[in-house]
């Protein structure tokens, strides 16, 4: 457990913390995908499977499924915008991966 004082020394709000978690997990996913694809044929179906599996693993490691579920009930526009951006980046990666 983290005390409120300690928490608010690092983040101004819970939303800021959630956004930081989403951004960190995005960076981890991008870096790991790059590592998986390095020196591999980008058209290889197995590489795609590994990269998608990796996203699921990162989501599990960062408890993102629970975060996504909780955010869906929030009315905060900034948080929803970040979640939408996260989703669009994933779809863009899938559509344009090489």
N, C-alpha and C. Protein backbone atom coordinates (compact mmCIF):
# COMPACT_ATOMS: atom_id res chain seq x y z
N UNK A 1 0.83 -1.19 0.00
CA UNK A 1 0.00 0.00 0.00
C UNK A 1 0.87 1.25 0.00
N UNK A 2 0.36 2.27 -0.64
CA UNK A 2 1.06 3.54 -0.73
C UNK A 2 0.20 4.60 -0.06
N UNK A 3 0.81 5.42 0.79
CA UNK A 3 0.04 6.47 1.45
C UNK A 3 -0.36 7.54 0.45
N UNK A 4 -1.43 8.26 0.78
CA UNK A 4 -1.90 9.33 -0.11
C UNK A 4 -0.81 10.37 -0.32
N UNK A 5 -0.11 10.72 0.74
CA UNK A 5 0.95 11.72 0.63
C UNK A 5 2.02 11.30 -0.35
N UNK A 6 2.46 10.05 -0.26
CA UNK A 6 3.47 9.53 -1.18
C UNK A 6 2.94 9.50 -2.60
N UNK A 7 1.71 9.04 -2.76
CA UNK A 7 1.10 8.97 -4.09
C UNK A 7 1.07 10.34 -4.74
N UNK A 8 0.58 11.34 -4.00
CA UNK A 8 0.42 12.67 -4.58
C UNK A 8 1.74 13.43 -4.69
N UNK A 9 2.82 12.89 -4.14
CA UNK A 9 4.15 13.45 -4.41
C UNK A 9 4.58 13.12 -5.83
N UNK A 10 4.04 12.02 -6.37
CA UNK A 10 4.42 11.56 -7.71
C UNK A 10 3.38 11.90 -8.76
N UNK A 11 2.12 11.93 -8.39
CA UNK A 11 1.03 12.18 -9.33
C UNK A 11 0.07 13.20 -8.74
N UNK A 12 -0.48 14.05 -9.60
CA UNK A 12 -1.43 15.05 -9.12
C UNK A 12 -2.84 14.48 -8.97
N UNK A 13 -3.08 13.34 -9.63
CA UNK A 13 -4.41 12.72 -9.55
C UNK A 13 -4.31 11.24 -9.89
N UNK A 14 -5.38 10.52 -9.62
CA UNK A 14 -5.44 9.11 -10.01
C UNK A 14 -5.39 8.98 -11.52
N UNK A 15 -6.05 9.91 -12.21
CA UNK A 15 -6.03 9.87 -13.67
C UNK A 15 -4.62 10.01 -14.22
N UNK A 16 -3.84 10.89 -13.63
CA UNK A 16 -2.45 11.05 -14.07
C UNK A 16 -1.68 9.75 -13.88
N UNK A 17 -1.93 9.06 -12.80
CA UNK A 17 -1.29 7.77 -12.55
C UNK A 17 -1.71 6.74 -13.59
N UNK A 18 -3.01 6.66 -13.89
CA UNK A 18 -3.49 5.72 -14.90
C UNK A 18 -2.89 6.02 -16.26
N UNK A 19 -2.80 7.29 -16.60
CA UNK A 19 -2.21 7.68 -17.88
C UNK A 19 -0.75 7.27 -17.93
N UNK A 20 -0.03 7.46 -16.84
CA UNK A 20 1.38 7.06 -16.79
C UNK A 20 1.53 5.55 -16.97
N UNK A 21 0.65 4.78 -16.36
CA UNK A 21 0.68 3.32 -16.51
C UNK A 21 0.43 2.93 -17.96
N UNK A 22 -0.56 3.55 -18.59
CA UNK A 22 -0.87 3.25 -19.99
C UNK A 22 0.30 3.60 -20.91
N UNK A 23 0.90 4.76 -20.68
CA UNK A 23 2.02 5.18 -21.53
C UNK A 23 3.25 4.29 -21.33
N UNK A 24 3.51 3.91 -20.09
CA UNK A 24 4.64 3.03 -19.81
C UNK A 24 4.43 1.67 -20.47
N UNK A 25 3.24 1.13 -20.36
CA UNK A 25 2.97 -0.18 -20.96
C UNK A 25 3.06 -0.10 -22.48
N UNK A 26 2.66 1.01 -23.05
CA UNK A 26 2.75 1.20 -24.50
C UNK A 26 4.22 1.16 -24.93
N UNK A 27 5.06 1.86 -24.19
CA UNK A 27 6.50 1.89 -24.50
C UNK A 27 7.11 0.49 -24.38
N UNK A 28 6.74 -0.23 -23.34
CA UNK A 28 7.24 -1.59 -23.15
C UNK A 28 6.82 -2.47 -24.32
N UNK A 29 5.56 -2.36 -24.73
CA UNK A 29 5.05 -3.16 -25.84
C UNK A 29 5.81 -2.86 -27.13
N UNK A 30 5.98 -1.58 -27.44
CA UNK A 30 6.68 -1.19 -28.67
C UNK A 30 8.11 -1.74 -28.67
N UNK A 31 8.81 -1.59 -27.56
CA UNK A 31 10.19 -2.07 -27.48
C UNK A 31 10.28 -3.59 -27.61
N UNK A 32 9.40 -4.30 -26.94
CA UNK A 32 9.43 -5.76 -27.02
C UNK A 32 9.05 -6.26 -28.41
N UNK A 33 8.11 -5.59 -29.05
CA UNK A 33 7.75 -5.98 -30.41
C UNK A 33 8.93 -5.80 -31.35
N UNK A 34 9.64 -4.72 -31.17
CA UNK A 34 10.82 -4.47 -31.99
C UNK A 34 11.84 -5.59 -31.79
N UNK A 35 12.06 -5.98 -30.54
CA UNK A 35 13.01 -7.06 -30.25
C UNK A 35 12.57 -8.37 -30.89
N UNK A 36 11.28 -8.67 -30.86
CA UNK A 36 10.77 -9.91 -31.45
C UNK A 36 10.99 -9.91 -32.96
N UNK A 37 10.79 -8.77 -33.60
CA UNK A 37 10.87 -8.68 -35.06
C UNK A 37 12.29 -8.53 -35.59
N UNK A 38 13.23 -8.18 -34.70
CA UNK A 38 14.60 -7.95 -35.13
C UNK A 38 15.16 -9.20 -35.82
N UNK A 39 15.72 -9.00 -36.99
CA UNK A 39 16.33 -10.07 -37.78
C UNK A 39 15.35 -11.17 -38.18
N UNK A 40 14.07 -10.84 -38.22
CA UNK A 40 13.04 -11.80 -38.63
C UNK A 40 12.35 -11.28 -39.88
N UNK A 41 11.73 -12.19 -40.61
CA UNK A 41 10.94 -11.82 -41.78
C UNK A 41 9.62 -11.22 -41.29
N UNK A 42 9.36 -9.94 -41.58
CA UNK A 42 8.15 -9.30 -41.06
C UNK A 42 6.86 -9.92 -41.60
N UNK A 43 6.95 -10.67 -42.70
CA UNK A 43 5.74 -11.30 -43.24
C UNK A 43 5.49 -12.68 -42.63
N UNK A 44 6.40 -13.13 -41.79
CA UNK A 44 6.25 -14.43 -41.13
C UNK A 44 5.08 -14.37 -40.14
N UNK A 45 4.11 -15.24 -40.35
CA UNK A 45 2.92 -15.28 -39.50
C UNK A 45 3.28 -15.51 -38.04
N UNK A 46 4.29 -16.32 -37.78
CA UNK A 46 4.70 -16.62 -36.40
C UNK A 46 5.22 -15.39 -35.67
N UNK A 47 5.84 -14.47 -36.41
CA UNK A 47 6.30 -13.22 -35.81
C UNK A 47 5.09 -12.40 -35.36
N UNK A 48 4.08 -12.34 -36.22
CA UNK A 48 2.85 -11.62 -35.86
C UNK A 48 2.21 -12.23 -34.62
N UNK A 49 2.13 -13.53 -34.57
CA UNK A 49 1.53 -14.21 -33.42
C UNK A 49 2.31 -13.88 -32.15
N UNK A 50 3.64 -13.91 -32.23
CA UNK A 50 4.47 -13.58 -31.06
C UNK A 50 4.23 -12.14 -30.61
N UNK A 51 4.11 -11.23 -31.58
CA UNK A 51 3.92 -9.82 -31.24
C UNK A 51 2.55 -9.57 -30.62
N UNK A 52 1.53 -10.22 -31.10
CA UNK A 52 0.21 -10.06 -30.51
C UNK A 52 0.17 -10.71 -29.13
N UNK A 53 0.77 -11.87 -28.99
CA UNK A 53 0.85 -12.53 -27.68
C UNK A 53 1.59 -11.67 -26.68
N UNK A 54 2.58 -10.98 -27.17
CA UNK A 54 3.37 -10.09 -26.32
C UNK A 54 2.49 -8.98 -25.75
N UNK A 55 1.61 -8.42 -26.57
CA UNK A 55 0.69 -7.39 -26.09
C UNK A 55 -0.17 -7.93 -24.96
N UNK A 56 -0.68 -9.12 -25.13
CA UNK A 56 -1.51 -9.73 -24.08
C UNK A 56 -0.71 -9.93 -22.80
N UNK A 57 0.55 -10.33 -22.94
CA UNK A 57 1.41 -10.54 -21.78
C UNK A 57 1.68 -9.21 -21.06
N UNK A 58 1.98 -8.16 -21.82
CA UNK A 58 2.23 -6.84 -21.21
C UNK A 58 0.96 -6.35 -20.50
N UNK A 59 -0.19 -6.54 -21.14
CA UNK A 59 -1.45 -6.15 -20.51
C UNK A 59 -1.64 -6.86 -19.17
N UNK A 60 -1.31 -8.14 -19.15
CA UNK A 60 -1.44 -8.92 -17.91
C UNK A 60 -0.42 -8.44 -16.87
N UNK A 61 0.82 -8.20 -17.29
CA UNK A 61 1.87 -7.76 -16.36
C UNK A 61 1.53 -6.43 -15.70
N UNK A 62 0.87 -5.54 -16.45
CA UNK A 62 0.54 -4.21 -15.93
C UNK A 62 -0.91 -4.11 -15.45
N UNK A 63 -1.59 -5.25 -15.36
CA UNK A 63 -3.01 -5.28 -14.94
C UNK A 63 -3.88 -4.34 -15.78
N UNK A 64 -3.58 -4.26 -17.07
CA UNK A 64 -4.28 -3.31 -17.92
C UNK A 64 -5.73 -3.69 -18.18
N UNK A 65 -6.06 -4.96 -18.16
CA UNK A 65 -7.45 -5.33 -18.39
C UNK A 65 -8.35 -4.73 -17.32
N UNK A 66 -7.91 -4.78 -16.08
CA UNK A 66 -8.67 -4.17 -14.99
C UNK A 66 -8.73 -2.66 -15.16
N UNK A 67 -7.63 -2.08 -15.59
CA UNK A 67 -7.60 -0.63 -15.80
C UNK A 67 -8.55 -0.24 -16.92
N UNK A 68 -8.52 -0.98 -18.04
CA UNK A 68 -9.41 -0.68 -19.16
C UNK A 68 -10.87 -0.77 -18.72
N UNK A 69 -11.20 -1.78 -17.93
CA UNK A 69 -12.57 -1.93 -17.45
C UNK A 69 -12.97 -0.77 -16.56
N UNK A 70 -12.08 -0.35 -15.68
CA UNK A 70 -12.42 0.76 -14.78
C UNK A 70 -12.53 2.08 -15.53
N UNK A 71 -11.69 2.29 -16.53
CA UNK A 71 -11.72 3.54 -17.29
C UNK A 71 -13.01 3.66 -18.08
N UNK A 72 -13.52 2.54 -18.56
CA UNK A 72 -14.73 2.59 -19.39
C UNK A 72 -15.90 3.22 -18.63
N UNK A 73 -15.89 3.15 -17.31
CA UNK A 73 -16.95 3.75 -16.51
C UNK A 73 -16.68 5.19 -16.12
N UNK A 74 -15.48 5.69 -16.38
CA UNK A 74 -15.12 7.06 -16.01
C UNK A 74 -15.74 8.05 -16.99
N UNK A 75 -15.98 9.24 -16.51
CA UNK A 75 -16.51 10.29 -17.37
C UNK A 75 -15.41 11.28 -17.77
N UNK A 76 -14.21 11.07 -17.29
CA UNK A 76 -13.10 11.98 -17.55
C UNK A 76 -12.69 11.95 -19.02
N UNK A 77 -12.80 13.08 -19.68
CA UNK A 77 -12.52 13.17 -21.12
C UNK A 77 -11.05 12.90 -21.43
N UNK A 78 -10.14 13.40 -20.60
CA UNK A 78 -8.71 13.21 -20.85
C UNK A 78 -8.34 11.73 -20.79
N UNK A 79 -8.86 11.05 -19.82
CA UNK A 79 -8.57 9.63 -19.65
C UNK A 79 -9.14 8.82 -20.82
N UNK A 80 -10.34 9.13 -21.22
CA UNK A 80 -10.94 8.43 -22.36
C UNK A 80 -10.16 8.72 -23.64
N UNK A 81 -9.67 9.95 -23.77
CA UNK A 81 -8.87 10.31 -24.94
C UNK A 81 -7.57 9.50 -24.99
N UNK A 82 -6.93 9.34 -23.85
CA UNK A 82 -5.70 8.55 -23.78
C UNK A 82 -5.99 7.09 -24.13
N UNK A 83 -7.07 6.56 -23.63
CA UNK A 83 -7.45 5.18 -23.93
C UNK A 83 -7.74 5.02 -25.42
N UNK A 84 -8.44 5.99 -26.00
CA UNK A 84 -8.73 5.94 -27.43
C UNK A 84 -7.44 6.02 -28.25
N UNK A 85 -6.52 6.88 -27.83
CA UNK A 85 -5.22 6.99 -28.51
C UNK A 85 -4.48 5.66 -28.44
N UNK A 86 -4.51 5.03 -27.29
CA UNK A 86 -3.87 3.74 -27.08
C UNK A 86 -4.44 2.70 -28.06
N UNK A 87 -5.76 2.69 -28.18
CA UNK A 87 -6.43 1.75 -29.08
C UNK A 87 -6.08 2.03 -30.53
N UNK A 88 -6.08 3.30 -30.92
CA UNK A 88 -5.75 3.68 -32.30
C UNK A 88 -4.31 3.30 -32.63
N UNK A 89 -3.40 3.49 -31.69
CA UNK A 89 -2.00 3.12 -31.93
C UNK A 89 -1.87 1.62 -32.17
N UNK A 90 -2.62 0.83 -31.42
CA UNK A 90 -2.59 -0.62 -31.62
C UNK A 90 -3.12 -1.00 -33.00
N UNK A 91 -4.24 -0.41 -33.38
CA UNK A 91 -4.81 -0.71 -34.70
C UNK A 91 -3.89 -0.24 -35.82
N UNK A 92 -3.27 0.92 -35.63
CA UNK A 92 -2.34 1.44 -36.62
C UNK A 92 -1.13 0.51 -36.76
N UNK A 93 -0.62 0.04 -35.63
CA UNK A 93 0.52 -0.89 -35.68
C UNK A 93 0.13 -2.14 -36.47
N UNK A 94 -1.04 -2.68 -36.17
CA UNK A 94 -1.47 -3.91 -36.84
C UNK A 94 -1.66 -3.69 -38.34
N UNK A 95 -2.22 -2.56 -38.71
CA UNK A 95 -2.49 -2.27 -40.13
C UNK A 95 -1.22 -1.99 -40.91
N UNK A 96 -0.21 -1.44 -40.25
CA UNK A 96 0.98 -0.97 -40.97
C UNK A 96 2.27 -1.71 -40.64
N UNK A 97 2.19 -2.76 -39.89
CA UNK A 97 3.42 -3.47 -39.51
C UNK A 97 4.09 -4.06 -40.74
N UNK A 98 5.40 -4.10 -40.69
CA UNK A 98 6.18 -4.64 -41.81
C UNK A 98 7.21 -5.59 -41.25
